Amino acid sequence: MITESIQSAVVPYRISGSELEILLITSIKKKKWIIPKGYVEYSLTPFESAKKEAFEEAGITGSNETEEIGEYLAGKNENKKLVKVFLMKVLGQIDDYPERNLRKRKWFSINEAIQIVENESIKNILMNLKIRFNP
């Protein structure tokens, strides 16, 4: 069962050397670079649902530390949904995951991620994250 009005997403990250990197995936239809996102499942918290989506959509597992770093409205007109966005440190990555044939995934520097993401709300969340990691 799904909680209709709320979605959740994660910004998957890692530190490579001294650089913050973000894992982005492509949307299924338009192939735009996005973050893993989906509806909050009835039996899960928004963060648990977002972690599940990250595994299904990108083949990644992450830390259980829960930190909400923003929210935005997704969708059009009266179909807008609130999306709660969480930060997730990536701890594992596998090659065999449920949506591997539907999406691409790629690590980007934080600057590259900000440039390539088209959704302005996600772009703003990433810019705030960059400031936080590199004051």
C-alpha atoms as a PDB file:
ATOM      1  CA  MET A   1       0.000   0.000   0.000  1.00  0.00           C
ATOM      2  CA  ILE A   2       1.193   3.522  -0.777  1.00  0.00           C
ATOM      3  CA  THR A   3       0.680   6.827   1.037  1.00  0.00           C
ATOM      4  CA  GLU A   4      -0.757   8.859  -1.837  1.00  0.00           C
ATOM      5  CA  SER A   5       0.323  12.421  -1.162  1.00  0.00           C
ATOM      6  CA  ILE A   6       3.956  11.972  -0.170  1.00  0.00           C
ATOM      7  CA  GLN A   7       6.982  10.798  -2.066  1.00  0.00           C
ATOM      8  CA  SER A   8      10.516  10.526  -0.802  1.00  0.00           C
ATOM      9  CA  ALA A   9      13.930  10.680  -2.398  1.00  0.00           C
ATOM     10  CA  VAL A  10      17.587  10.372  -1.498  1.00  0.00           C
ATOM     11  CA  VAL A  11      20.648  12.277  -2.589  1.00  0.00           C
ATOM     12  CA  PRO A  12      23.192   9.446  -2.700  1.00  0.00           C
ATOM     13  CA  TYR A  13      26.705  10.698  -1.970  1.00  0.00           C
ATOM     14  CA  ARG A  14      30.266   9.617  -1.309  1.00  0.00           C
ATOM     15  CA  ILE A  15      33.520  11.384  -0.589  1.00  0.00           C
ATOM     16  CA  SER A  16      36.244  10.545  -3.115  1.00  0.00           C
ATOM     17  CA  GLY A  17      39.553  11.953  -1.952  1.00  0.00           C
ATOM     18  CA  SER A  18      38.377  15.310  -0.710  1.00  0.00           C
ATOM     19  CA  GLU A  19      35.605  15.703  -3.294  1.00  0.00           C
ATOM     20  CA  LEU A  20      31.872  15.294  -2.730  1.00  0.00           C
ATOM     21  CA  GLU A  21      30.313  13.076  -5.417  1.00  0.00           C
ATOM     22  CA  ILE A  22      26.614  12.530  -6.126  1.00  0.00           C
ATOM     23  CA  LEU A  23      25.075   9.468  -7.798  1.00  0.00           C
ATOM     24  CA  LEU A  24      22.391  10.395 -10.314  1.00  0.00           C
ATOM     25  CA  ILE A  25      20.111   8.126 -12.320  1.00  0.00           C
ATOM     26  CA  THR A  26      18.155   8.719 -15.511  1.00  0.00           C
ATOM     27  CA  SER A  27      14.383   8.964 -15.560  1.00  0.00           C
ATOM     28  CA  ILE A  28      12.734   6.131 -17.471  1.00  0.00           C
ATOM     29  CA  LYS A  29      10.827   8.115 -20.118  1.00  0.00           C
ATOM     30  CA  LYS A  30      12.762  11.318 -20.769  1.00  0.00           C
ATOM     31  CA  LYS A  31      16.229  10.077 -19.702  1.00  0.00           C
ATOM     32  CA  LYS A  32      16.872  13.187 -17.604  1.00  0.00           C
ATOM     33  CA  TRP A  33      19.338  12.989 -14.709  1.00  0.00           C
ATOM     34  CA  ILE A  34      17.445  12.777 -11.412  1.00  0.00           C
ATOM     35  CA  ILE A  35      17.776  11.396  -7.875  1.00  0.00           C
ATOM     36  CA  PRO A  36      16.125   8.120  -6.763  1.00  0.00           C
ATOM     37  CA  LYS A  37      12.506   8.851  -5.739  1.00  0.00           C
ATOM     38  CA  GLY A  38       9.192   7.099  -5.215  1.00  0.00           C
ATOM     39  CA  TYR A  39       5.972   6.915  -3.231  1.00  0.00           C
ATOM     40  CA  VAL A  40       6.214   6.310   0.504  1.00  0.00           C
ATOM     41  CA  GLU A  41       5.061   2.777   1.202  1.00  0.00           C
ATOM     42  CA  TYR A  42       2.495   2.301   3.943  1.00  0.00           C
ATOM     43  CA  SER A  43       4.661   0.173   6.240  1.00  0.00           C
ATOM     44  CA  LEU A  44       7.838   2.239   5.795  1.00  0.00           C
ATOM     45  CA  THR A  45       9.038   5.655   6.931  1.00  0.00           C
ATOM     46  CA  PRO A  46       9.767   8.177   4.159  1.00  0.00           C
ATOM     47  CA  PHE A  47      13.511   7.531   4.580  1.00  0.00           C
ATOM     48  CA  GLU A  48      13.091   3.733   4.479  1.00  0.00           C
ATOM     49  CA  SER A  49      10.991   4.066   1.308  1.00  0.00           C
ATOM     50  CA  ALA A  50      13.605   6.326  -0.280  1.00  0.00           C
ATOM     51  CA  LYS A  51      16.369   3.831   0.561  1.00  0.00           C
ATOM     52  CA  LYS A  52      14.308   1.043  -1.010  1.00  0.00           C
ATOM     53  CA  GLU A  53      13.837   3.137  -4.163  1.00  0.00           C
ATOM     54  CA  ALA A  54      17.597   3.836  -4.271  1.00  0.00           C
ATOM     55  CA  PHE A  55      18.261   0.101  -4.259  1.00  0.00           C
ATOM     56  CA  GLU A  56      15.615  -0.667  -6.891  1.00  0.00           C
ATOM     57  CA  GLU A  57      16.502   2.243  -9.197  1.00  0.00           C
ATOM     58  CA  ALA A  58      20.284   2.503  -8.731  1.00  0.00           C
ATOM     59  CA  GLY A  59      21.487  -0.701  -7.045  1.00  0.00           C
ATOM     60  CA  ILE A  60      22.873   1.133  -4.026  1.00  0.00           C
ATOM     61  CA  THR A  61      22.663   0.657  -0.289  1.00  0.00           C
ATOM     62  CA  GLY A  62      23.389   3.313   2.252  1.00  0.00           C
ATOM     63  CA  SER A  63      23.765   4.460   5.797  1.00  0.00           C
ATOM     64  CA  ASN A  64      20.796   4.315   8.154  1.00  0.00           C
ATOM     65  CA  GLU A  65      21.519   7.824   9.419  1.00  0.00           C
ATOM     66  CA  THR A  66      18.381   9.792   8.620  1.00  0.00           C
ATOM     67  CA  GLU A  67      18.718  13.434   7.685  1.00  0.00           C
ATOM     68  CA  GLU A  68      16.067  15.302   5.749  1.00  0.00           C
ATOM     69  CA  ILE A  69      17.795  17.951   3.641  1.00  0.00           C
ATOM     70  CA  GLY A  70      14.837  19.471   1.840  1.00  0.00           C
ATOM     71  CA  GLU A  71      11.501  19.005   0.144  1.00  0.00           C
ATOM     72  CA  TYR A  72       9.829  20.096  -3.052  1.00  0.00           C
ATOM     73  CA  LEU A  73       6.645  19.677  -5.076  1.00  0.00           C
ATOM     74  CA  ALA A  74       6.809  17.305  -8.046  1.00  0.00           C
ATOM     75  CA  GLY A  75       4.252  16.774 -10.770  1.00  0.00           C
ATOM     76  CA  LYS A  76       1.893  18.987 -12.682  1.00  0.00           C
ATOM     77  CA  ASN A  77      -1.195  21.004 -11.782  1.00  0.00           C
ATOM     78  CA  GLU A  78      -3.480  19.215  -9.311  1.00  0.00           C
ATOM     79  CA  ASN A  79      -1.299  16.082  -9.335  1.00  0.00           C
ATOM     80  CA  LYS A  80       1.548  17.676  -7.366  1.00  0.00           C
ATOM     81  CA  LYS A  81       3.128  15.524  -4.670  1.00  0.00           C
ATOM     82  CA  LEU A  82       5.312  16.601  -1.775  1.00  0.00           C
ATOM     83  CA  VAL A  83       8.754  14.976  -2.035  1.00  0.00           C
ATOM     84  CA  LYS A  84      10.844  14.746   1.133  1.00  0.00           C
ATOM     85  CA  VAL A  85      14.560  14.530   0.316  1.00  0.00           C
ATOM     86  CA  PHE A  86      17.084  12.728   2.497  1.00  0.00           C
ATOM     87  CA  LEU A  87      20.860  12.570   2.437  1.00  0.00           C
ATOM     88  CA  MET A  88      22.256   9.028   2.091  1.00  0.00           C
ATOM     89  CA  LYS A  89      25.906   8.048   2.299  1.00  0.00           C
ATOM     90  CA  VAL A  90      26.391   5.174  -0.162  1.00  0.00           C
ATOM     91  CA  LEU A  91      27.936   2.103   1.457  1.00  0.00           C
ATOM     92  CA  GLY A  92      27.475  -0.437  -1.332  1.00  0.00           C
ATOM     93  CA  GLN A  93      26.791  -0.652  -5.050  1.00  0.00           C
ATOM     94  CA  ILE A  94      25.800  -3.746  -7.032  1.00  0.00           C
ATOM     95  CA  ASP A  95      25.471  -4.357 -10.766  1.00  0.00           C
ATOM     96  CA  ASP A  96      22.388  -6.613 -10.645  1.00  0.00           C
ATOM     97  CA  TYR A  97      19.407  -4.560  -9.448  1.00  0.00           C
ATOM     98  CA  PRO A  98      15.716  -4.406 -10.439  1.00  0.00           C
ATOM     99  CA  GLU A  99      15.784  -1.359 -12.783  1.00  0.00           C
ATOM    100  CA  ARG A 100      19.271  -1.836 -14.288  1.00  0.00           C
ATOM    101  CA  ASN A 101      17.818  -2.216 -17.798  1.00  0.00           C
ATOM    102  CA  LEU A 102      15.586   0.875 -17.484  1.00  0.00           C
ATOM    103  CA  ARG A 103      18.008   3.511 -16.195  1.00  0.00           C
ATOM    104  CA  LYS A 104      21.600   4.639 -16.329  1.00  0.00           C
ATOM    105  CA  ARG A 105      23.477   5.584 -13.169  1.00  0.00           C
ATOM    106  CA  LYS A 106      26.605   7.679 -12.870  1.00  0.00           C
ATOM    107  CA  TRP A 107      28.718   9.396 -10.216  1.00  0.00           C
ATOM    108  CA  PHE A 108      29.197  13.133 -10.712  1.00  0.00           C
ATOM    109  CA  SER A 109      31.177  15.747  -8.834  1.00  0.00           C
ATOM    110  CA  ILE A 110      28.822  18.040  -6.927  1.00  0.00           C
ATOM    111  CA  ASN A 111      29.481  20.811  -9.487  1.00  0.00           C
ATOM    112  CA  GLU A 112      28.705  18.487 -12.412  1.00  0.00           C
ATOM    113  CA  ALA A 113      25.535  17.249 -10.675  1.00  0.00           C
ATOM    114  CA  ILE A 114      24.322  20.821 -10.164  1.00  0.00           C
ATOM    115  CA  GLN A 115      24.929  21.547 -13.858  1.00  0.00           C
ATOM    116  CA  ILE A 116      23.305  18.395 -15.295  1.00  0.00           C
ATOM    117  CA  VAL A 117      20.151  18.201 -13.136  1.00  0.00           C
ATOM    118  CA  GLU A 118      17.328  20.138 -14.807  1.00  0.00           C
ATOM    119  CA  ASN A 119      14.829  20.141 -11.919  1.00  0.00           C
ATOM    120  CA  GLU A 120      15.332  23.516 -10.197  1.00  0.00           C
ATOM    121  CA  SER A 121      14.240  22.219  -6.779  1.00  0.00           C
ATOM    122  CA  ILE A 122      16.764  19.372  -6.859  1.00  0.00           C
ATOM    123  CA  LYS A 123      19.408  21.781  -8.191  1.00  0.00           C
ATOM    124  CA  ASN A 124      18.792  24.072  -5.169  1.00  0.00           C
ATOM    125  CA  ILE A 125      19.067  21.158  -2.730  1.00  0.00           C
ATOM    126  CA  LEU A 126      22.388  20.183  -4.346  1.00  0.00           C
ATOM    127  CA  MET A 127      23.679  23.786  -4.180  1.00  0.00           C
ATOM    128  CA  ASN A 128      22.859  23.907  -0.462  1.00  0.00           C
ATOM    129  CA  LEU A 129      24.632  20.589   0.006  1.00  0.00           C
ATOM    130  CA  LYS A 130      27.716  21.936  -1.776  1.00  0.00           C
ATOM    131  CA  ILE A 131      27.820  24.963   0.566  1.00  0.00           C
ATOM    132  CA  ARG A 132      27.480  22.676   3.579  1.00  0.00           C
ATOM    133  CA  PHE A 133      30.344  20.383   2.502  1.00  0.00           C
ATOM    134  CA  ASN A 134      32.551  23.238   1.271  1.00  0.00           C
ATOM    135  CA  PRO A 135      31.758  26.314   3.408  1.00  0.00           C
END
